[in-house]
Amino acid sequence: MINRELKAARIRRGYTQKFIAKALNLGETSYTKRENGQLEFTASEIAKLKELLQLSSAEVEKIFFTLNVELNETFITTA
């Protein structure tokens, strides 16, 4: 998940974490942990966020379904 994108979308709409938490039937701390990437959102929470924040399908994919993969190169030498 891309945390900064979700936060930016929430702020663009003028919503507080408290407002979103209430809309998702979550405690504010629970929502904050989700927004910060410490907990994952459920599918129904993502659907509700899409509606609340007026996100496009592309934005939902970018925010919630983009994997950040580190590239580790391994070099093998033969003698």
N, C-alpha and C. Protein backbone atom coordinates (compact mmCIF):
# COMPACT_ATOMS: atom_id res chain seq x y z
N MET A 1 0.84 -1.18 0.00
CA MET A 1 0.00 0.00 0.00
C MET A 1 0.89 1.24 0.00
N ILE A 2 0.43 2.25 -0.69
CA ILE A 2 1.17 3.52 -0.72
C ILE A 2 0.48 4.49 0.24
N ASN A 3 1.03 4.59 1.43
CA ASN A 3 0.41 5.36 2.51
C ASN A 3 0.21 6.83 2.16
N ARG A 4 1.22 7.44 1.57
CA ARG A 4 1.14 8.88 1.31
C ARG A 4 0.03 9.20 0.30
N GLU A 5 -0.24 8.29 -0.61
CA GLU A 5 -1.30 8.51 -1.60
C GLU A 5 -2.68 8.47 -0.94
N LEU A 6 -2.87 7.55 -0.02
CA LEU A 6 -4.14 7.47 0.69
C LEU A 6 -4.35 8.71 1.55
N LYS A 7 -3.32 9.10 2.26
CA LYS A 7 -3.42 10.29 3.11
C LYS A 7 -3.72 11.53 2.25
N ALA A 8 -3.05 11.65 1.11
CA ALA A 8 -3.26 12.79 0.22
C ALA A 8 -4.70 12.82 -0.29
N ALA A 9 -5.24 11.65 -0.64
CA ALA A 9 -6.62 11.58 -1.13
C ALA A 9 -7.60 11.99 -0.03
N ARG A 10 -7.33 11.56 1.19
CA ARG A 10 -8.19 11.92 2.32
C ARG A 10 -8.15 13.43 2.56
N ILE A 11 -6.97 14.00 2.55
CA ILE A 11 -6.81 15.43 2.80
C ILE A 11 -7.44 16.26 1.68
N ARG A 12 -7.30 15.80 0.42
CA ARG A 12 -7.92 16.50 -0.72
C ARG A 12 -9.42 16.66 -0.52
N ARG A 13 -10.05 15.66 0.08
CA ARG A 13 -11.50 15.70 0.32
C ARG A 13 -11.85 16.45 1.60
N GLY A 14 -10.83 16.84 2.37
CA GLY A 14 -11.07 17.58 3.60
C GLY A 14 -11.52 16.72 4.76
N TYR A 15 -11.23 15.43 4.70
CA TYR A 15 -11.65 14.51 5.76
C TYR A 15 -10.54 14.29 6.78
N THR A 16 -10.94 14.16 8.03
CA THR A 16 -9.99 13.81 9.09
C THR A 16 -9.93 12.29 9.21
N GLN A 17 -8.90 11.82 9.89
CA GLN A 17 -8.82 10.39 10.17
C GLN A 17 -10.01 9.96 11.02
N LYS A 18 -10.42 10.81 11.93
CA LYS A 18 -11.56 10.51 12.80
C LYS A 18 -12.83 10.31 11.99
N PHE A 19 -13.06 11.18 10.99
CA PHE A 19 -14.25 11.07 10.14
C PHE A 19 -14.24 9.76 9.36
N ILE A 20 -13.10 9.44 8.75
CA ILE A 20 -12.99 8.21 7.95
C ILE A 20 -13.15 6.99 8.85
N ALA A 21 -12.52 7.02 10.01
CA ALA A 21 -12.64 5.90 10.95
C ALA A 21 -14.11 5.63 11.28
N LYS A 22 -14.84 6.69 11.58
CA LYS A 22 -16.26 6.54 11.92
C LYS A 22 -17.05 5.97 10.73
N ALA A 23 -16.75 6.45 9.53
CA ALA A 23 -17.44 5.97 8.33
C ALA A 23 -17.17 4.49 8.08
N LEU A 24 -15.99 4.02 8.50
CA LEU A 24 -15.62 2.61 8.32
C LEU A 24 -15.96 1.76 9.54
N ASN A 25 -16.60 2.37 10.53
CA ASN A 25 -16.91 1.68 11.79
C ASN A 25 -15.66 1.15 12.48
N LEU A 26 -14.62 1.99 12.48
CA LEU A 26 -13.36 1.66 13.14
C LEU A 26 -13.07 2.70 14.20
N GLY A 27 -12.24 2.33 15.15
CA GLY A 27 -11.72 3.32 16.07
C GLY A 27 -10.68 4.16 15.35
N GLU A 28 -10.45 5.36 15.84
CA GLU A 28 -9.48 6.24 15.18
C GLU A 28 -8.08 5.63 15.15
N THR A 29 -7.66 5.00 16.23
CA THR A 29 -6.34 4.37 16.28
C THR A 29 -6.24 3.24 15.27
N SER A 30 -7.29 2.46 15.15
CA SER A 30 -7.31 1.35 14.19
C SER A 30 -7.19 1.88 12.76
N TYR A 31 -7.92 2.95 12.45
CA TYR A 31 -7.82 3.53 11.11
C TYR A 31 -6.42 4.08 10.87
N THR A 32 -5.88 4.79 11.85
CA THR A 32 -4.55 5.38 11.71
C THR A 32 -3.51 4.30 11.41
N LYS A 33 -3.61 3.17 12.08
CA LYS A 33 -2.68 2.06 11.83
C LYS A 33 -2.83 1.55 10.41
N ARG A 34 -4.04 1.52 9.90
CA ARG A 34 -4.25 1.08 8.52
C ARG A 34 -3.66 2.11 7.55
N GLU A 35 -3.95 3.37 7.78
CA GLU A 35 -3.44 4.41 6.88
C GLU A 35 -1.91 4.45 6.89
N ASN A 36 -1.30 4.13 8.02
CA ASN A 36 0.16 4.12 8.13
C ASN A 36 0.79 2.81 7.67
N GLY A 37 -0.04 1.85 7.25
CA GLY A 37 0.49 0.60 6.74
C GLY A 37 0.82 -0.44 7.79
N GLN A 38 0.43 -0.21 9.03
CA GLN A 38 0.70 -1.17 10.10
C GLN A 38 -0.33 -2.30 10.12
N LEU A 39 -1.51 -2.04 9.61
CA LEU A 39 -2.56 -3.04 9.45
C LEU A 39 -3.10 -2.94 8.03
N GLU A 40 -3.67 -4.03 7.53
CA GLU A 40 -4.23 -4.01 6.18
C GLU A 40 -5.72 -3.70 6.22
N PHE A 41 -6.19 -3.08 5.15
CA PHE A 41 -7.61 -2.82 4.99
C PHE A 41 -8.28 -4.09 4.47
N THR A 42 -9.54 -4.29 4.85
CA THR A 42 -10.33 -5.38 4.28
C THR A 42 -10.86 -4.93 2.92
N ALA A 43 -11.36 -5.89 2.15
CA ALA A 43 -11.93 -5.56 0.84
C ALA A 43 -13.11 -4.60 0.99
N SER A 44 -13.95 -4.81 1.99
CA SER A 44 -15.11 -3.92 2.17
C SER A 44 -14.68 -2.52 2.60
N GLU A 45 -13.60 -2.42 3.38
CA GLU A 45 -13.09 -1.10 3.77
C GLU A 45 -12.53 -0.37 2.55
N ILE A 46 -11.84 -1.09 1.68
CA ILE A 46 -11.30 -0.49 0.46
C ILE A 46 -12.45 0.01 -0.42
N ALA A 47 -13.50 -0.79 -0.54
CA ALA A 47 -14.66 -0.38 -1.35
C ALA A 47 -15.30 0.89 -0.78
N LYS A 48 -15.41 0.96 0.53
CA LYS A 48 -16.00 2.14 1.17
C LYS A 48 -15.10 3.36 0.98
N LEU A 49 -13.78 3.17 1.10
CA LEU A 49 -12.84 4.28 0.88
C LEU A 49 -12.91 4.77 -0.56
N LYS A 50 -13.06 3.85 -1.51
CA LYS A 50 -13.19 4.23 -2.92
C LYS A 50 -14.38 5.18 -3.09
N GLU A 51 -15.47 4.85 -2.45
CA GLU A 51 -16.68 5.67 -2.52
C GLU A 51 -16.50 7.01 -1.78
N LEU A 52 -16.03 6.95 -0.55
CA LEU A 52 -15.87 8.17 0.26
C LEU A 52 -14.90 9.17 -0.35
N LEU A 53 -13.77 8.65 -0.83
CA LEU A 53 -12.72 9.52 -1.35
C LEU A 53 -12.83 9.76 -2.85
N GLN A 54 -13.87 9.17 -3.46
CA GLN A 54 -14.12 9.31 -4.89
C GLN A 54 -12.88 8.92 -5.70
N LEU A 55 -12.36 7.74 -5.40
CA LEU A 55 -11.16 7.25 -6.07
C LEU A 55 -11.54 6.50 -7.34
N SER A 56 -10.73 6.64 -8.36
CA SER A 56 -10.92 5.85 -9.58
C SER A 56 -10.38 4.45 -9.32
N SER A 57 -10.74 3.53 -10.19
CA SER A 57 -10.21 2.16 -10.06
C SER A 57 -8.70 2.15 -10.15
N ALA A 58 -8.15 3.00 -11.01
CA ALA A 58 -6.69 3.09 -11.15
C ALA A 58 -6.04 3.58 -9.85
N GLU A 59 -6.68 4.55 -9.20
CA GLU A 59 -6.15 5.06 -7.93
C GLU A 59 -6.21 3.98 -6.85
N VAL A 60 -7.31 3.24 -6.81
CA VAL A 60 -7.44 2.15 -5.82
C VAL A 60 -6.33 1.13 -6.04
N GLU A 61 -6.11 0.77 -7.29
CA GLU A 61 -5.05 -0.20 -7.60
C GLU A 61 -3.69 0.33 -7.16
N LYS A 62 -3.42 1.58 -7.47
CA LYS A 62 -2.13 2.19 -7.12
C LYS A 62 -1.93 2.25 -5.61
N ILE A 63 -2.97 2.67 -4.89
CA ILE A 63 -2.86 2.85 -3.44
C ILE A 63 -2.80 1.51 -2.70
N PHE A 64 -3.67 0.59 -3.05
CA PHE A 64 -3.82 -0.62 -2.25
C PHE A 64 -3.18 -1.88 -2.82
N PHE A 65 -2.88 -1.90 -4.10
CA PHE A 65 -2.43 -3.15 -4.69
C PHE A 65 -1.09 -3.06 -5.41
N THR A 66 -0.32 -2.02 -5.14
CA THR A 66 1.00 -1.89 -5.73
C THR A 66 2.01 -2.49 -4.77
N LEU A 67 2.82 -3.37 -5.27
CA LEU A 67 3.87 -3.97 -4.45
C LEU A 67 5.16 -3.20 -4.62
N ASN A 68 5.79 -2.92 -3.53
CA ASN A 68 7.12 -2.32 -3.57
C ASN A 68 8.12 -3.45 -3.35
N VAL A 69 8.82 -3.81 -4.39
CA VAL A 69 9.75 -4.92 -4.33
C VAL A 69 11.17 -4.39 -4.45
N GLU A 70 12.00 -4.80 -3.52
CA GLU A 70 13.39 -4.41 -3.59
C GLU A 70 14.11 -5.35 -4.54
N LEU A 71 14.95 -4.78 -5.34
CA LEU A 71 15.73 -5.57 -6.28
C LEU A 71 17.09 -5.86 -5.66
N ASN A 72 17.34 -7.12 -5.43
CA ASN A 72 18.63 -7.54 -4.90
C ASN A 72 19.35 -8.32 -5.98
N GLU A 73 20.49 -7.84 -6.36
CA GLU A 73 21.27 -8.53 -7.39
C GLU A 73 22.26 -9.45 -6.72
N THR A 74 22.33 -10.66 -7.21
CA THR A 74 23.29 -11.63 -6.70
C THR A 74 24.21 -12.00 -7.85
N PHE A 75 25.47 -11.90 -7.59
CA PHE A 75 26.45 -12.24 -8.60
C PHE A 75 27.11 -13.56 -8.22
N ILE A 76 27.14 -14.47 -9.14
CA ILE A 76 27.78 -15.76 -8.90
C ILE A 76 29.02 -15.81 -9.77
N THR A 77 30.12 -16.11 -9.15
CA THR A 77 31.36 -16.24 -9.91
C THR A 77 31.74 -17.70 -9.97
N THR A 78 32.26 -18.07 -11.09
CA THR A 78 32.72 -19.45 -11.24
C THR A 78 34.23 -19.44 -11.32
N ALA A 79 34.82 -20.44 -10.75
CA ALA A 79 36.29 -20.52 -10.73
C ALA A 79 36.80 -21.27 -11.92
